Protein backbone atom coordinates (compact mmCIF):
# COMPACT_ATOMS: atom_id res chain seq x y z
CA MET A 1 -66.06 29.32 -76.78
CA ARG A 2 -70.03 28.34 -76.56
CA ASP A 3 -70.51 26.83 -73.03
CA GLY A 4 -67.14 24.67 -72.85
CA THR A 5 -64.10 23.24 -74.46
CA PRO A 6 -64.83 23.13 -78.25
CA ASN A 7 -65.36 19.84 -80.03
CA PRO A 8 -62.73 19.08 -82.85
CA GLU A 9 -65.39 20.07 -85.52
CA GLN A 10 -66.42 23.30 -83.94
CA LEU A 11 -62.58 24.21 -83.55
CA ILE A 12 -61.50 23.53 -87.06
CA GLY A 13 -65.07 25.67 -87.04
CA ASP A 14 -63.73 28.87 -85.16
CA ILE A 15 -60.64 28.67 -86.98
CA ALA A 16 -62.54 29.19 -90.70
CA ALA A 17 -64.63 31.49 -89.30
CA ALA A 18 -61.62 33.46 -87.94
CA ARG A 19 -59.59 32.97 -90.87
CA ALA A 20 -56.36 32.17 -88.15
CA MET A 21 -55.61 32.04 -85.03
CA THR A 22 -52.19 31.92 -83.32
CA VAL A 23 -50.44 28.62 -82.78
CA ALA A 24 -50.57 29.24 -79.00
CA ASP A 25 -54.34 29.73 -79.04
CA TYR A 26 -54.35 26.51 -81.20
CA ILE A 27 -52.80 24.16 -79.07
CA ALA A 28 -54.43 26.32 -76.13
CA ALA A 29 -57.98 25.08 -77.90
CA ALA A 30 -57.18 21.82 -79.01
CA ASN A 31 -55.46 20.04 -75.85
CA ALA A 32 -58.20 21.87 -73.50
CA HIS A 33 -60.74 19.38 -75.32
CA TYR A 34 -58.19 16.49 -75.70
CA TYR A 35 -57.62 16.13 -71.80
CA ALA A 36 -61.40 17.24 -70.90
CA THR A 37 -62.46 13.89 -72.98
CA ARG A 38 -59.70 10.97 -72.29
CA ASP A 39 -57.18 9.58 -70.11
CA PRO A 40 -53.98 9.58 -72.46
CA LEU A 41 -51.59 7.44 -70.76
CA GLY A 42 -50.48 3.83 -70.61
CA ALA A 43 -50.78 1.41 -73.40
CA ALA A 44 -54.43 1.78 -74.60
CA GLY A 45 -53.62 5.56 -74.67
CA ASP A 46 -51.11 8.09 -76.72
CA PHE A 47 -48.19 8.32 -74.26
CA THR A 48 -46.29 7.23 -71.12
CA THR A 49 -44.77 8.88 -69.02
CA ALA A 50 -42.01 8.59 -66.40
CA PRO A 51 -44.36 7.65 -63.42
CA GLU A 52 -46.00 4.84 -65.54
CA ILE A 53 -42.96 3.65 -66.80
CA SER A 54 -41.83 2.60 -62.94
CA GLN A 55 -42.74 3.19 -59.66
CA MET A 56 -38.36 4.38 -58.78
CA PHE A 57 -39.38 7.44 -61.05
CA GLY A 58 -41.85 8.77 -57.69
CA GLU A 59 -40.04 7.31 -55.37
CA MET A 60 -36.66 9.29 -56.25
CA ILE A 61 -39.20 11.96 -56.31
CA GLY A 62 -40.09 11.14 -53.14
CA ILE A 63 -36.92 10.47 -51.31
CA TRP A 64 -35.62 14.28 -52.79
CA ILE A 65 -38.51 15.96 -50.92
CA ALA A 66 -38.08 14.09 -47.30
CA ASP A 67 -34.63 14.64 -47.87
CA LEU A 68 -35.31 18.63 -47.89
CA TRP A 69 -37.89 19.14 -45.38
CA SER A 70 -35.67 16.99 -43.18
CA ARG A 71 -32.64 19.70 -44.00
CA ALA A 72 -35.49 22.64 -43.86
CA GLY A 73 -36.28 21.77 -40.16
CA SER A 74 -39.38 19.47 -40.96
CA PRO A 75 -42.08 22.65 -40.84
CA ALA A 76 -45.30 21.66 -42.07
CA PHE A 77 -45.90 22.01 -45.29
CA ARG A 78 -48.88 20.75 -48.39
CA TYR A 79 -47.87 18.23 -51.35
CA ALA A 80 -49.28 19.84 -54.64
CA GLU A 81 -48.48 18.82 -57.94
CA LEU A 82 -49.08 20.16 -61.46
CA GLY A 83 -50.86 17.95 -64.43
CA PRO A 84 -51.00 15.17 -61.77
CA GLY A 85 -52.05 12.22 -64.85
CA ARG A 86 -53.64 9.63 -63.03
CA GLY A 87 -51.54 10.18 -59.50
CA THR A 88 -49.07 7.96 -59.83
CA LEU A 89 -46.07 9.64 -59.35
CA ALA A 90 -47.70 11.37 -56.30
CA ALA A 91 -49.00 7.62 -54.36
CA ASP A 92 -44.92 6.45 -55.30
CA ALA A 93 -43.41 9.98 -53.52
CA LEU A 94 -45.96 10.09 -50.87
CA ARG A 95 -45.23 6.30 -49.97
CA ALA A 96 -41.70 6.83 -50.04
CA MET A 97 -41.63 9.99 -48.06
CA ALA A 98 -43.73 7.91 -45.28
CA ARG A 99 -40.68 6.32 -44.89
CA PHE A 100 -38.74 8.82 -43.42
CA GLY A 101 -42.04 10.71 -41.40
CA CYS A 102 -42.30 12.62 -44.15
CA THR A 103 -46.10 13.53 -44.03
CA PRO A 104 -47.44 16.56 -45.92
CA GLN A 105 -50.66 18.33 -44.29
CA GLY A 106 -52.34 17.93 -47.22
CA VAL A 107 -52.01 16.63 -50.97
CA HIS A 108 -53.03 19.25 -53.92
CA LEU A 109 -54.26 18.34 -57.43
CA VAL A 110 -54.10 21.07 -59.87
CA GLU A 111 -56.33 18.84 -62.83
CA THR A 112 -59.20 20.40 -64.72
CA SER A 113 -59.90 16.93 -66.76
CA PRO A 114 -62.74 15.18 -64.94
CA ALA A 115 -61.61 11.50 -66.55
CA LEU A 116 -57.84 12.13 -65.12
CA ARG A 117 -59.50 13.44 -61.71
CA ALA A 118 -61.53 10.58 -61.14
CA ALA A 119 -58.03 8.51 -61.67
CA GLN A 120 -56.16 10.58 -59.08
CA SER A 121 -59.18 9.94 -56.89
CA ALA A 122 -58.72 6.32 -57.08
CA ARG A 123 -55.48 6.39 -55.96
CA LEU A 124 -55.43 9.48 -53.59
CA PRO A 125 -59.12 9.11 -52.06
CA ALA A 126 -58.09 11.98 -49.31
CA ALA A 127 -56.62 14.52 -52.88
CA MET A 128 -58.04 17.65 -53.09
CA HIS A 129 -58.49 18.80 -56.34
CA HIS A 130 -57.96 22.25 -57.62
CA ASP A 131 -59.05 24.35 -61.14
CA ASP A 132 -55.96 26.46 -60.76
CA ILE A 133 -52.60 27.36 -58.97
CA ALA A 134 -54.42 30.30 -57.25
CA ASP A 135 -56.53 28.39 -55.75
CA LEU A 136 -54.10 25.86 -53.67
CA PRO A 137 -54.39 27.20 -49.78
CA GLY A 138 -51.75 29.99 -48.47
CA GLU A 139 -51.68 28.76 -44.29
CA ASP A 140 -48.38 26.45 -44.85
CA ALA A 141 -44.92 25.83 -46.57
CA ILE A 142 -45.22 24.33 -50.29
CA VAL A 143 -43.62 21.47 -51.77
CA ILE A 144 -44.78 21.56 -56.16
CA ILE A 145 -44.13 19.30 -58.38
CA ALA A 146 -44.67 20.19 -61.95
CA ASN A 147 -43.78 16.60 -64.34
CA GLU A 148 -44.28 17.00 -67.93
CA PHE A 149 -46.75 19.68 -67.27
CA PHE A 150 -45.12 22.84 -69.09
CA ASP A 151 -44.58 21.19 -72.37
CA ALA A 152 -48.31 20.82 -72.76
CA LEU A 153 -49.25 24.32 -72.23
CA PRO A 154 -49.50 27.09 -75.48
CA ALA A 155 -46.29 28.37 -76.71
CA HIS A 156 -46.10 31.18 -79.36
CA GLN A 157 -44.26 30.55 -82.70
CA TYR A 158 -42.42 33.70 -84.84
CA VAL A 159 -40.55 32.69 -88.33
CA ARG A 160 -38.50 34.82 -89.65
CA THR A 161 -39.56 35.95 -93.35
CA ALA A 162 -38.09 38.33 -95.98
CA ASP A 163 -39.68 41.24 -94.55
CA GLY A 164 -38.95 40.26 -90.44
CA TRP A 165 -40.13 38.26 -87.88
CA ARG A 166 -44.13 37.05 -87.95
CA GLU A 167 -46.38 34.79 -85.69
CA ARG A 168 -46.97 32.12 -86.87
CA MET A 169 -51.03 31.89 -87.36
CA VAL A 170 -53.19 28.69 -87.97
CA GLU A 171 -55.52 28.80 -90.48
CA ARG A 172 -57.32 26.74 -93.46
CA VAL A 173 -55.12 26.32 -97.05
CA ASP A 174 -56.77 23.96 -99.49
CA GLY A 175 -58.89 22.26 -97.16
CA LYS A 176 -56.25 21.60 -94.60
CA LEU A 177 -55.40 23.55 -91.80
CA THR A 178 -51.87 24.70 -91.56
CA ALA A 179 -49.21 27.47 -90.07
CA VAL A 180 -48.75 30.70 -92.13
CA PRO A 181 -47.14 33.95 -91.45
CA GLY A 182 -49.47 36.21 -90.25
CA ALA A 183 -49.51 39.93 -91.33
CA ALA A 184 -48.31 42.10 -88.70
CA PRO A 185 -44.49 42.64 -87.75
CA ALA A 186 -43.46 40.87 -84.38
CA ASP A 187 -39.51 41.72 -84.36
CA ASP A 188 -40.23 42.84 -80.52
CA HIS A 189 -41.33 38.91 -79.42
CA VAL A 190 -38.65 37.89 -80.70
CA PRO A 191 -35.42 37.10 -78.02
CA VAL A 192 -32.88 39.73 -78.57
CA ALA A 193 -30.24 37.30 -78.96
CA LEU A 194 -32.40 34.97 -81.45
CA ARG A 195 -33.38 38.42 -83.82
CA GLY A 196 -30.74 37.58 -86.19
CA ARG A 197 -31.64 34.28 -87.31
CA GLY A 198 -32.46 33.51 -90.79
CA GLU A 199 -35.38 33.50 -93.25
CA GLY A 200 -37.16 30.22 -92.45
CA ASP A 201 -36.14 30.42 -88.65
CA ILE A 202 -38.37 29.26 -86.09
CA VAL A 203 -38.91 30.33 -82.63
CA GLU A 204 -40.82 29.32 -79.68
CA THR A 205 -41.55 31.30 -76.82
CA ALA A 206 -43.91 30.22 -73.87
CA PRO A 207 -45.11 33.25 -72.00
CA ALA A 208 -47.91 31.51 -70.26
CA SER A 209 -45.28 28.80 -68.76
CA ALA A 210 -43.32 31.62 -67.38
CA THR A 211 -46.22 33.51 -65.91
CA ILE A 212 -46.97 30.13 -64.16
CA MET A 213 -43.61 29.41 -62.84
CA GLN A 214 -43.48 32.76 -61.30
CA ASN A 215 -46.28 32.53 -59.51
CA CYS A 216 -45.41 29.53 -58.13
CA ALA A 217 -41.63 31.63 -56.80
CA PHE A 218 -44.07 33.84 -55.47
CA ARG A 219 -45.98 31.73 -53.43
CA LEU A 220 -42.45 29.42 -52.59
CA VAL A 221 -41.08 32.92 -51.04
CA ARG A 222 -44.31 33.90 -48.68
CA HIS A 223 -44.98 30.73 -47.33
CA GLY A 224 -41.49 28.71 -47.99
CA GLY A 225 -41.05 25.53 -49.70
CA ALA A 226 -39.77 24.21 -53.16
CA MET A 227 -40.43 23.46 -56.55
CA LEU A 228 -39.47 20.42 -58.82
CA VAL A 229 -39.85 20.46 -62.12
CA VAL A 230 -39.26 17.75 -64.76
CA ASP A 231 -39.88 17.90 -68.55
CA TYR A 232 -38.17 17.68 -71.90
CA GLY A 233 -36.79 20.56 -73.21
CA TYR A 234 -33.08 22.77 -73.58
CA ARG A 235 -31.57 25.34 -72.01
CA GLY A 236 -31.81 28.37 -74.67
CA PRO A 237 -31.99 30.53 -76.42
CA ALA A 238 -32.48 28.02 -79.40
CA ALA A 239 -33.98 28.56 -82.20
CA GLY A 240 -36.51 25.72 -83.89
CA ASP A 241 -39.81 24.09 -84.54
CA THR A 242 -40.53 21.83 -81.84
CA LEU A 243 -44.36 21.31 -82.36
CA GLN A 244 -45.27 17.95 -82.03
CA ALA A 245 -48.70 15.40 -82.17
CA VAL A 246 -48.49 12.53 -80.28
CA LYS A 247 -51.29 9.71 -81.25
CA ALA A 248 -51.26 5.97 -80.11
CA HIS A 249 -47.52 6.46 -79.20
CA ARG A 250 -46.86 7.59 -82.85
CA PHE A 251 -45.80 11.29 -83.49
CA ALA A 252 -48.51 12.61 -85.56
CA ASP A 253 -49.77 15.84 -87.57
CA PRO A 254 -49.87 18.54 -85.11
CA PHE A 255 -52.54 20.10 -87.50
CA ALA A 256 -54.82 17.15 -88.49
CA ASP A 257 -56.60 16.20 -86.21
CA PRO A 258 -56.99 19.25 -83.83
CA GLY A 259 -58.59 17.41 -80.24
CA ASN A 260 -57.58 14.08 -80.95
CA VAL A 261 -53.73 14.42 -80.43
CA ASP A 262 -51.77 14.90 -77.90
CA LEU A 263 -49.69 18.73 -78.65
CA THR A 264 -46.24 19.69 -76.88
CA THR A 265 -43.50 21.74 -77.60
CA HIS A 266 -40.13 21.29 -76.31
CA VAL A 267 -39.44 23.36 -72.79
CA ASP A 268 -36.77 26.48 -72.66
CA PHE A 269 -36.06 26.00 -68.86
CA THR A 270 -34.27 29.29 -69.42
CA PRO A 271 -37.04 31.55 -69.55
CA LEU A 272 -38.86 29.47 -66.88
CA ALA A 273 -35.22 29.94 -64.28
CA HIS A 274 -35.61 33.65 -65.38
CA ALA A 275 -38.95 33.70 -64.25
CA ALA A 276 -38.50 31.92 -61.11
CA ARG A 277 -35.66 34.06 -60.25
CA ARG A 278 -37.54 37.28 -60.88
CA GLY A 279 -39.92 35.55 -58.39
CA GLY A 280 -37.18 35.44 -56.11
CA VAL A 281 -36.91 31.52 -55.62
CA VAL A 282 -33.30 30.44 -56.03
CA VAL A 283 -32.58 27.87 -59.19
CA THR A 284 -31.22 24.91 -59.06
CA GLY A 285 -30.44 23.53 -62.29
CA PRO A 286 -31.28 22.02 -64.55
CA VAL A 287 -29.68 18.99 -65.34
CA GLY A 288 -30.36 15.77 -66.87
CA GLN A 289 -32.91 13.26 -65.74
CA GLY A 290 -30.93 10.59 -65.92
CA ALA A 291 -28.27 12.30 -63.74
CA TRP A 292 -30.42 13.36 -61.47
CA LEU A 293 -31.96 10.58 -60.79
CA GLN A 294 -28.47 8.65 -60.56
CA ALA A 295 -27.60 11.28 -57.74
CA MET A 296 -31.09 10.43 -56.00
CA GLY A 297 -30.32 6.60 -55.84
CA ILE A 298 -31.93 5.15 -58.61
CA ASP A 299 -29.55 2.12 -58.84
CA ALA A 300 -29.68 1.66 -55.03
CA ARG A 301 -33.28 0.89 -55.40
CA LEU A 302 -33.06 -1.32 -58.77
CA ARG A 303 -30.78 -3.54 -57.29
CA ALA A 304 -33.31 -3.79 -53.97
CA LEU A 305 -36.35 -4.08 -56.09
CA ALA A 306 -34.06 -6.64 -57.90
CA SER A 307 -33.23 -8.78 -54.93
CA THR A 308 -36.82 -8.90 -53.73
CA ALA A 309 -38.32 -9.61 -56.81
CA PRO A 310 -35.92 -11.56 -59.05
CA GLY A 311 -37.75 -12.99 -61.74
CA ARG A 312 -38.42 -9.06 -62.41
CA ALA A 313 -34.46 -8.18 -62.17
CA ASP A 314 -34.32 -7.63 -66.04
CA GLU A 315 -37.42 -5.68 -66.55
CA LEU A 316 -36.75 -3.49 -63.70
CA ARG A 317 -33.18 -3.10 -65.38
CA ALA A 318 -34.75 -1.83 -68.38
CA GLN A 319 -37.51 0.65 -66.72
CA ARG A 320 -34.19 2.08 -65.26
CA ASP A 321 -32.30 2.32 -68.36
CA ARG A 322 -35.22 3.94 -70.20
CA LEU A 323 -35.82 6.68 -67.57
CA VAL A 324 -31.67 7.22 -67.33
CA GLU A 325 -30.07 6.46 -70.36
CA PRO A 326 -28.78 9.14 -72.82
CA GLN A 327 -30.86 7.47 -75.32
CA ALA A 328 -33.69 7.44 -73.83
CA MET A 329 -35.13 9.91 -71.58
CA GLY A 330 -31.97 10.76 -69.44
CA GLU A 331 -30.71 13.66 -71.19
CA LEU A 332 -33.23 14.59 -73.20
CA PHE A 333 -35.91 15.32 -70.36
CA LYS A 334 -34.41 18.10 -67.75
CA VAL A 335 -34.87 18.23 -63.88
CA MET A 336 -34.26 21.78 -62.49
CA ALA A 337 -35.66 22.98 -58.45
CA ALA A 338 -36.83 26.22 -57.65
CA THR A 339 -36.32 26.84 -53.22
CA ALA A 340 -37.10 29.32 -50.82
CA PRO A 341 -34.60 31.82 -49.41
CA GLY A 342 -33.55 30.24 -46.57
CA TRP A 343 -34.40 26.69 -47.64
CA PRO A 344 -31.38 24.15 -48.11
CA ARG A 345 -29.80 23.51 -51.40
CA PRO A 346 -31.46 20.79 -53.02
CA GLN A 347 -30.19 16.91 -53.49
CA GLY A 348 -29.61 15.53 -57.13
CA PHE A 349 -27.42 18.48 -58.93
CA GLY A 350 -23.98 17.98 -58.04
CA ALA A 351 -21.62 20.27 -56.09
CA ILE A 352 -21.55 22.84 -58.33
CA GLU A 353 -25.36 25.16 -59.63
CA GLU A 354 -25.84 24.94 -63.12
CA PRO A 355 -28.03 28.43 -64.47
CA ALA A 356 -30.34 28.61 -66.45
């Protein structure tokens, strides 16, 4: 599209000129502009992620990495993060890792947003930026962190009509953008387990996410290492329209202001796990974020922080509860690990693997 990311007016014009585009293409174009033009995090932005809520989140990930690295024989490795926000998670994780002598050979951030790259560089001056996972160096083992990364990637939507399954397309109707059923049959794109759903039901698929997950798995198999995925989602197959928009910490119409709101869908961990296994890695989880954080020791860390800063005890407890409790982020957010063959089983997932 032209010489770069389309602005919102161009995006709307493209839809009008082409008469329709898939929901997946709409998400891709809108989010490309959105993330390229702002820092969306924090109170002044549109949403807040777990690392911005509490340092304890990143610290638990750092402990997870250090434990796995130690039991794997303390190999040379690189830290990589996909969509690392402001770099807060990486900074907290690396600080926690250093307490155990776990120091990566390099820190690699896969990020395309100029605004977020600047924020990351301020926190992590030695970090190296990459536009794509394929650009990551390949000489060492690698630990890849993906926190709230997959939810912002493009997802296709299919709706069951009286004539069968059709892909949802975004087009202008009565002067407004909306999603409508396309004309071409799309039954083959719907998972077999969901093809019998009723008229009006919506099914989402995210092949771009599966491709990225499988490519990461290939990388782990070749060079060793592990990947940790944290995101809000579910274990499918399941039907439902999960496309949502957030602006100024409130839900918004996903079709009203393209390029100026954060668009996401809930992550189905089942195809991610299948893609990882096809790539040759061992998958553990997913489990709820709350259970995982507790297994990694967040409550002990809370007590330690509160003892050194008694005046912040209530604030720290509130942060912990937001991350852990089921009515907050504890159940909606899931954690899944992928490890290279021969690497030890990762901590935080209980005694029995929960395959997706």
